[in-house]
């Protein structure tokens, strides 16, 4: 099942669908990669998030505020999706890191990285997203992946020496 967020009225939603919906959102568990209900459950303090928190409350027309909160609810759901997608991506790259460490391959692969950046720049253009932003975002992710791969390689080397 996918993560639940809240809408502008504080109701639980699964990507904008009310929790009481009897459609596909609740009829069958959703899977995104290997995500399961167990590994994407919200922490106990998830109720501390107030989706209607705003420094603008009381300063703007109620209709404008309702529209703002509705749009922000969609943004909150997208942000939750991004977090879980990144978690799935890093699970996959951890497997790559173990494979690289096992076979003494370098942590980075500049050819692959350049191809991915070029590909995502094209996708960003097609999606009307600033390609420079997409490249910066991917470069940040790649640097984190390489850092993880280096740590995995170091751990693997220490384990091999101790065996």
Protein backbone atom coordinates (compact mmCIF):
# COMPACT_ATOMS: atom_id res chain seq x y z
CA UNK A 1 0.00 0.00 0.00
CA UNK A 2 1.24 3.49 -0.79
CA UNK A 3 1.88 6.10 1.91
CA UNK A 4 -1.03 8.07 3.25
CA UNK A 5 -1.03 11.84 3.38
CA UNK A 6 -3.69 14.28 4.40
CA UNK A 7 -5.85 16.57 2.35
CA UNK A 8 -6.64 20.21 3.09
CA UNK A 9 -9.31 19.14 5.59
CA UNK A 10 -6.92 16.87 7.51
CA UNK A 11 -8.43 13.63 6.16
CA UNK A 12 -6.12 10.71 5.39
CA UNK A 13 -5.65 10.21 1.68
CA UNK A 14 -3.68 7.87 -0.52
CA UNK A 15 -2.48 10.18 -3.27
CA UNK A 16 -5.51 12.43 -3.09
CA UNK A 17 -8.09 9.67 -2.62
CA UNK A 18 -10.05 9.75 0.63
CA UNK A 19 -9.28 6.83 2.91
CA UNK A 20 -12.89 5.65 2.78
CA UNK A 21 -12.79 5.23 -1.01
CA UNK A 22 -13.82 1.76 -2.10
CA UNK A 23 -12.04 1.97 -5.44
CA UNK A 24 -8.69 0.44 -6.33
CA UNK A 25 -6.83 2.54 -3.77
CA UNK A 26 -8.12 0.37 -0.92
CA UNK A 27 -9.44 -2.73 -2.67
CA UNK A 28 -6.00 -4.19 -3.35
CA UNK A 29 -2.57 -3.37 -1.96
CA UNK A 30 -0.52 -1.12 -4.20
CA UNK A 31 3.09 -1.88 -4.88
CA UNK A 32 5.74 0.48 -6.14
CA UNK A 33 8.83 -1.55 -6.85
CA UNK A 34 9.29 -3.66 -3.74
CA UNK A 35 7.50 -1.30 -1.39
CA UNK A 36 5.21 -3.00 1.07
CA UNK A 37 2.91 -1.79 3.76
CA UNK A 38 5.49 -2.79 6.38
CA UNK A 39 8.36 -0.71 5.02
CA UNK A 40 6.45 2.46 4.24
CA UNK A 41 4.31 2.84 7.34
CA UNK A 42 4.26 6.35 8.72
CA UNK A 43 6.00 6.95 12.04
CA UNK A 44 3.93 7.24 15.19
CA UNK A 45 4.26 11.02 15.23
CA UNK A 46 2.77 11.44 11.74
CA UNK A 47 -0.19 13.20 13.36
CA UNK A 48 2.11 16.09 14.31
CA UNK A 49 2.01 17.27 10.68
CA UNK A 50 -0.62 19.95 10.23
CA UNK A 51 -1.45 20.27 6.51
CA UNK A 52 -3.31 23.51 7.11
CA UNK A 53 -0.45 25.24 8.94
CA UNK A 54 0.28 28.56 7.31
CA UNK A 55 1.48 31.98 8.31
CA UNK A 56 -1.19 33.30 5.93
CA UNK A 57 -4.13 31.98 7.97
CA UNK A 58 -6.50 34.80 8.84
CA UNK A 59 -4.79 37.18 6.41
CA UNK A 60 -6.38 36.05 3.15
CA UNK A 61 -9.89 35.35 1.93
CA UNK A 62 -11.17 31.93 3.08
CA UNK A 63 -11.83 30.82 -0.51
CA UNK A 64 -8.26 31.67 -1.50
CA UNK A 65 -6.94 29.85 1.58
CA UNK A 66 -9.04 26.76 0.77
CA UNK A 67 -7.68 26.71 -2.78
CA UNK A 68 -4.13 27.18 -1.51
CA UNK A 69 -4.52 24.32 0.97
CA UNK A 70 -5.99 22.07 -1.71
CA UNK A 71 -3.02 22.68 -4.02
CA UNK A 72 -0.60 22.21 -1.12
CA UNK A 73 -2.28 18.89 -0.34
CA UNK A 74 -1.34 17.70 -3.83
CA UNK A 75 2.21 18.94 -3.29
CA UNK A 76 2.38 17.06 0.04
CA UNK A 77 1.30 13.86 -1.69
CA UNK A 78 3.88 14.35 -4.44
CA UNK A 79 6.60 14.99 -1.84
CA UNK A 80 5.66 11.75 -0.05
CA UNK A 81 5.85 9.90 -3.35
CA UNK A 82 9.28 11.36 -4.08
CA UNK A 83 10.61 10.22 -0.70
CA UNK A 84 9.39 6.66 -1.21
CA UNK A 85 10.65 6.57 -4.81
CA UNK A 86 14.08 7.76 -3.65
CA UNK A 87 14.08 5.07 -0.96
CA UNK A 88 13.36 2.42 -3.60
CA UNK A 89 16.09 3.85 -5.84
CA UNK A 90 18.62 3.70 -3.03
CA UNK A 91 17.63 0.10 -2.21
CA UNK A 92 18.50 -0.79 -5.81
CA UNK A 93 21.75 1.17 -5.79
CA UNK A 94 22.76 -0.56 -2.53
CA UNK A 95 22.55 -3.87 -4.43
CA UNK A 96 24.73 -2.38 -7.16
CA UNK A 97 27.20 -1.26 -4.48
CA UNK A 98 27.44 -4.76 -3.03
CA UNK A 99 27.94 -6.25 -6.51
CA UNK A 100 30.66 -3.69 -7.28
CA UNK A 101 32.39 -4.29 -3.95
CA UNK A 102 32.26 -8.06 -4.39
CA UNK A 103 33.91 -7.81 -7.81
CA UNK A 104 36.24 -4.92 -6.89
CA UNK A 105 34.65 -2.53 -9.38
CA UNK A 106 34.99 1.24 -8.97
CA UNK A 107 32.26 3.05 -7.01
CA UNK A 108 31.54 5.47 -9.86
CA UNK A 109 30.90 4.83 -13.54
CA UNK A 110 31.47 8.15 -15.37
CA UNK A 111 30.16 6.81 -18.70
CA UNK A 112 26.91 5.62 -17.14
CA UNK A 113 26.55 8.83 -15.15
CA UNK A 114 27.02 11.03 -18.25
CA UNK A 115 24.49 8.97 -20.21
CA UNK A 116 21.95 9.21 -17.36
CA UNK A 117 22.42 12.95 -17.04
CA UNK A 118 21.93 13.45 -20.79
CA UNK A 119 18.85 11.20 -20.72
CA UNK A 120 17.29 13.00 -17.75
CA UNK A 121 18.01 16.40 -19.28
CA UNK A 122 16.03 15.29 -22.37
CA UNK A 123 13.21 13.95 -20.16
CA UNK A 124 13.18 17.21 -18.20
CA UNK A 125 12.87 19.21 -21.42
CA UNK A 126 9.98 16.99 -22.55
CA UNK A 127 8.30 17.52 -19.16
CA UNK A 128 8.86 21.31 -19.28
CA UNK A 129 11.21 21.12 -16.28
CA UNK A 130 14.43 23.12 -16.23
CA UNK A 131 17.09 20.65 -17.49
CA UNK A 132 19.77 22.38 -15.41
CA UNK A 133 17.69 21.74 -12.28
CA UNK A 134 17.20 18.08 -13.26
CA UNK A 135 20.95 17.73 -13.80
CA UNK A 136 21.76 19.28 -10.41
CA UNK A 137 19.25 16.98 -8.73
CA UNK A 138 20.66 13.88 -10.45
CA UNK A 139 24.25 14.94 -9.69
CA UNK A 140 23.32 15.19 -6.01
CA UNK A 141 21.79 11.70 -6.09
CA UNK A 142 24.79 10.29 -7.97
CA UNK A 143 27.21 11.76 -5.44
CA UNK A 144 25.24 10.14 -2.60
CA UNK A 145 25.18 6.80 -4.42
CA UNK A 146 28.95 6.93 -4.98
CA UNK A 147 29.47 7.80 -1.32
CA UNK A 148 27.36 4.77 -0.35
CA UNK A 149 29.24 2.54 -2.80
CA UNK A 150 32.56 3.65 -1.35
CA UNK A 151 31.33 2.84 2.17
CA UNK A 152 30.08 -0.57 1.03
CA UNK A 153 33.43 -1.28 -0.64
CA UNK A 154 35.28 -0.27 2.52
CA UNK A 155 33.05 -2.48 4.69
CA UNK A 156 33.45 -5.36 2.23
CA UNK A 157 37.24 -4.96 2.28
CA UNK A 158 37.33 -4.95 6.10
CA UNK A 159 35.10 -8.04 6.21
CA UNK A 160 37.30 -9.83 3.68
CA UNK A 161 40.43 -9.05 5.70
CA UNK A 162 38.86 -10.36 8.90
CA UNK A 163 37.74 -13.62 7.30
